[in-house]
C-alpha atoms as a PDB file:
ATOM      1  CA  MET A   1     108.601  35.895 -42.863  1.00  0.00           C
ATOM      2  CA  PRO A   2     107.621  32.195 -42.333  1.00  0.00           C
ATOM      3  CA  TRP A   3     109.884  30.943 -45.043  1.00  0.00           C
ATOM      4  CA  ILE A   4     113.024  32.161 -42.977  1.00  0.00           C
ATOM      5  CA  LYS A   5     112.057  29.976 -40.002  1.00  0.00           C
ATOM      6  CA  SER A   6     111.548  26.995 -42.349  1.00  0.00           C
ATOM      7  CA  LEU A   7     115.035  27.513 -43.695  1.00  0.00           C
ATOM      8  CA  VAL A   8     116.465  27.859 -40.353  1.00  0.00           C
ATOM      9  CA  VAL A   9     114.964  24.632 -39.154  1.00  0.00           C
ATOM     10  CA  LEU A  10     115.898  22.697 -42.432  1.00  0.00           C
ATOM     11  CA  ALA A  11     119.522  23.998 -42.054  1.00  0.00           C
ATOM     12  CA  ALA A  12     119.640  22.620 -38.409  1.00  0.00           C
ATOM     13  CA  LEU A  13     118.268  19.210 -39.601  1.00  0.00           C
ATOM     14  CA  ILE A  14     120.771  18.802 -42.388  1.00  0.00           C
ATOM     15  CA  PRO A  15     124.060  18.376 -40.374  1.00  0.00           C
ATOM     16  CA  GLY A  16     122.583  15.792 -38.109  1.00  0.00           C
ATOM     17  CA  THR A  17     121.049  13.659 -41.080  1.00  0.00           C
ATOM     18  CA  LEU A  18     124.567  13.881 -42.817  1.00  0.00           C
ATOM     19  CA  HIS A  19     126.330  12.918 -39.627  1.00  0.00           C
ATOM     20  CA  ALA A  20     123.800   9.840 -39.213  1.00  0.00           C
ATOM     21  CA  GLN A  21     124.510   8.676 -42.683  1.00  0.00           C
ATOM     22  CA  SER A  22     128.355   8.883 -42.084  1.00  0.00           C
ATOM     23  CA  ASN A  23     127.989   6.130 -39.573  1.00  0.00           C
ATOM     24  CA  CYS A  24     126.857   3.479 -42.151  1.00  0.00           C
ATOM     25  CA  ALA A  25     129.069   1.410 -44.522  1.00  0.00           C
ATOM     26  CA  ASP A  26     129.522  -2.115 -45.830  1.00  0.00           C
ATOM     27  CA  ARG A  27     129.513  -4.244 -42.995  1.00  0.00           C
ATOM     28  CA  GLY A  28     132.989  -5.608 -43.691  1.00  0.00           C
ATOM     29  CA  ALA A  29     134.532  -2.364 -43.758  1.00  0.00           C
ATOM     30  CA  VAL A  30     132.741  -1.314 -40.307  1.00  0.00           C
ATOM     31  CA  VAL A  31     133.756  -4.636 -38.761  1.00  0.00           C
ATOM     32  CA  ASP A  32     137.354  -4.306 -39.801  1.00  0.00           C
ATOM     33  CA  LYS A  33     137.515  -0.858 -38.300  1.00  0.00           C
ATOM     34  CA  LEU A  34     136.113  -1.893 -34.991  1.00  0.00           C
ATOM     35  CA  ALA A  35     138.587  -4.825 -34.915  1.00  0.00           C
ATOM     36  CA  VAL A  36     141.595  -2.849 -36.004  1.00  0.00           C
ATOM     37  CA  LYS A  37     141.108   0.561 -34.680  1.00  0.00           C
ATOM     38  CA  TYR A  38     139.307  -0.272 -31.355  1.00  0.00           C
ATOM     39  CA  GLY A  39     140.335  -3.842 -30.721  1.00  0.00           C
ATOM     40  CA  GLU A  40     136.662  -4.738 -30.449  1.00  0.00           C
ATOM     41  CA  ALA A  41     135.286  -8.300 -31.262  1.00  0.00           C
ATOM     42  CA  PHE A  42     131.749  -9.696 -31.595  1.00  0.00           C
ATOM     43  CA  GLY A  43     130.137 -10.057 -28.152  1.00  0.00           C
ATOM     44  CA  GLY A  44     126.687 -11.190 -29.058  1.00  0.00           C
ATOM     45  CA  GLY A  45     123.460 -10.247 -30.881  1.00  0.00           C
ATOM     46  CA  GLY A  46     120.255 -11.176 -32.581  1.00  0.00           C
ATOM     47  CA  LEU A  47     117.870 -10.603 -34.995  1.00  0.00           C
ATOM     48  CA  GLN A  48     115.498  -7.583 -34.698  1.00  0.00           C
ATOM     49  CA  ASN A  49     113.289  -8.713 -37.590  1.00  0.00           C
ATOM     50  CA  ALA A  50     113.700 -10.140 -40.976  1.00  0.00           C
ATOM     51  CA  GLU A  51     115.378  -6.980 -42.332  1.00  0.00           C
ATOM     52  CA  SER A  52     118.076  -6.207 -39.494  1.00  0.00           C
ATOM     53  CA  ILE A  53     120.492  -7.673 -36.980  1.00  0.00           C
ATOM     54  CA  PHE A  54     121.803  -6.063 -33.957  1.00  0.00           C
ATOM     55  CA  GLU A  55     125.233  -6.821 -32.580  1.00  0.00           C
ATOM     56  CA  VAL A  56     127.425  -5.783 -29.648  1.00  0.00           C
ATOM     57  CA  TRP A  57     131.084  -5.297 -30.258  1.00  0.00           C
ATOM     58  CA  ILE A  58     133.338  -4.990 -27.347  1.00  0.00           C
ATOM     59  CA  SER A  59     136.978  -4.717 -26.152  1.00  0.00           C
ATOM     60  CA  GLU A  60     137.567  -5.874 -22.680  1.00  0.00           C
ATOM     61  CA  GLU A  61     141.023  -4.701 -22.796  1.00  0.00           C
ATOM     62  CA  ARG A  62     139.998  -1.063 -23.748  1.00  0.00           C
ATOM     63  CA  GLY A  63     136.692  -1.080 -22.143  1.00  0.00           C
ATOM     64  CA  THR A  64     134.994   0.199 -25.368  1.00  0.00           C
ATOM     65  CA  TRP A  65     131.676  -1.027 -26.760  1.00  0.00           C
ATOM     66  CA  THR A  66     129.611  -0.534 -30.138  1.00  0.00           C
ATOM     67  CA  ILE A  67     126.044  -1.316 -31.026  1.00  0.00           C
ATOM     68  CA  LEU A  68     125.738  -2.193 -34.706  1.00  0.00           C
ATOM     69  CA  LYS A  69     122.769  -2.676 -36.806  1.00  0.00           C
ATOM     70  CA  THR A  70     123.261  -4.472 -40.038  1.00  0.00           C
ATOM     71  CA  ARG A  71     120.552  -4.440 -42.573  1.00  0.00           C
ATOM     72  CA  ALA A  72     119.616  -7.192 -45.088  1.00  0.00           C
ATOM     73  CA  ASP A  73     121.518  -5.353 -47.912  1.00  0.00           C
ATOM     74  CA  GLY A  74     124.749  -5.702 -45.917  1.00  0.00           C
ATOM     75  CA  VAL A  75     125.103  -2.169 -44.865  1.00  0.00           C
ATOM     76  CA  SER A  76     125.815  -1.673 -41.134  1.00  0.00           C
ATOM     77  CA  CYS A  77     125.194   1.278 -39.027  1.00  0.00           C
ATOM     78  CA  ILE A  78     126.747   2.395 -35.658  1.00  0.00           C
ATOM     79  CA  MET A  79     123.718   2.897 -33.555  1.00  0.00           C
ATOM     80  CA  ALA A  80     125.743   3.798 -30.293  1.00  0.00           C
ATOM     81  CA  SER A  81     129.183   3.452 -28.747  1.00  0.00           C
ATOM     82  CA  GLY A  82     130.885   4.184 -25.539  1.00  0.00           C
ATOM     83  CA  THR A  83     133.455   3.142 -22.779  1.00  0.00           C
ATOM     84  CA  ASN A  84     133.651   1.516 -19.447  1.00  0.00           C
ATOM     85  CA  TRP A  85     132.182  -1.668 -20.662  1.00  0.00           C
ATOM     86  CA  ARG A  86     131.524  -4.349 -17.983  1.00  0.00           C
ATOM     87  CA  GLU A  87     130.238  -7.926 -18.301  1.00  0.00           C
ATOM     88  CA  GLY A  88     126.923  -8.706 -16.795  1.00  0.00           C
ATOM     89  CA  ILE A  89     126.191 -11.437 -14.172  1.00  0.00           C
ATOM     90  CA  LYS A  90     125.380 -14.854 -15.905  1.00  0.00           C
ATOM     91  CA  ILE A  91     122.095 -16.037 -14.476  1.00  0.00           C
ATOM     92  CA  PRO A  92     121.676 -19.899 -14.587  1.00  0.00           C
ATOM     93  CA  ALA A  93     118.915 -21.220 -16.965  1.00  0.00           C
ATOM     94  CA  GLY A  94     115.607 -21.552 -15.033  1.00  0.00           C
ATOM     95  CA  ILE A  95     116.186 -18.686 -12.561  1.00  0.00           C
ATOM     96  CA  PRO A  96     114.101 -15.651 -13.411  1.00  0.00           C
ATOM     97  CA  GLY A  97     116.310 -12.535 -14.212  1.00  0.00           C
END
């Protein structure tokens, strides 16, 4: 019965889709949570295109980090997060990386 296989595949996709959507909210709410709950602060970022900005939020004290994507409509989504953050080596201008 092919429809059973399709139903099983659809059921497997739904939890992942719902989980991904729960990682998005108004930018202010997301940033507040990163600051208050995780002690993270803006570490840097840049434009991906005219519709989205990527930011890295870090806590040097706790060693946590979060990559945040903010869309033009003000909704931010957590793209990745983790632990054991460490600063990169600063390369002086004019020296190839």
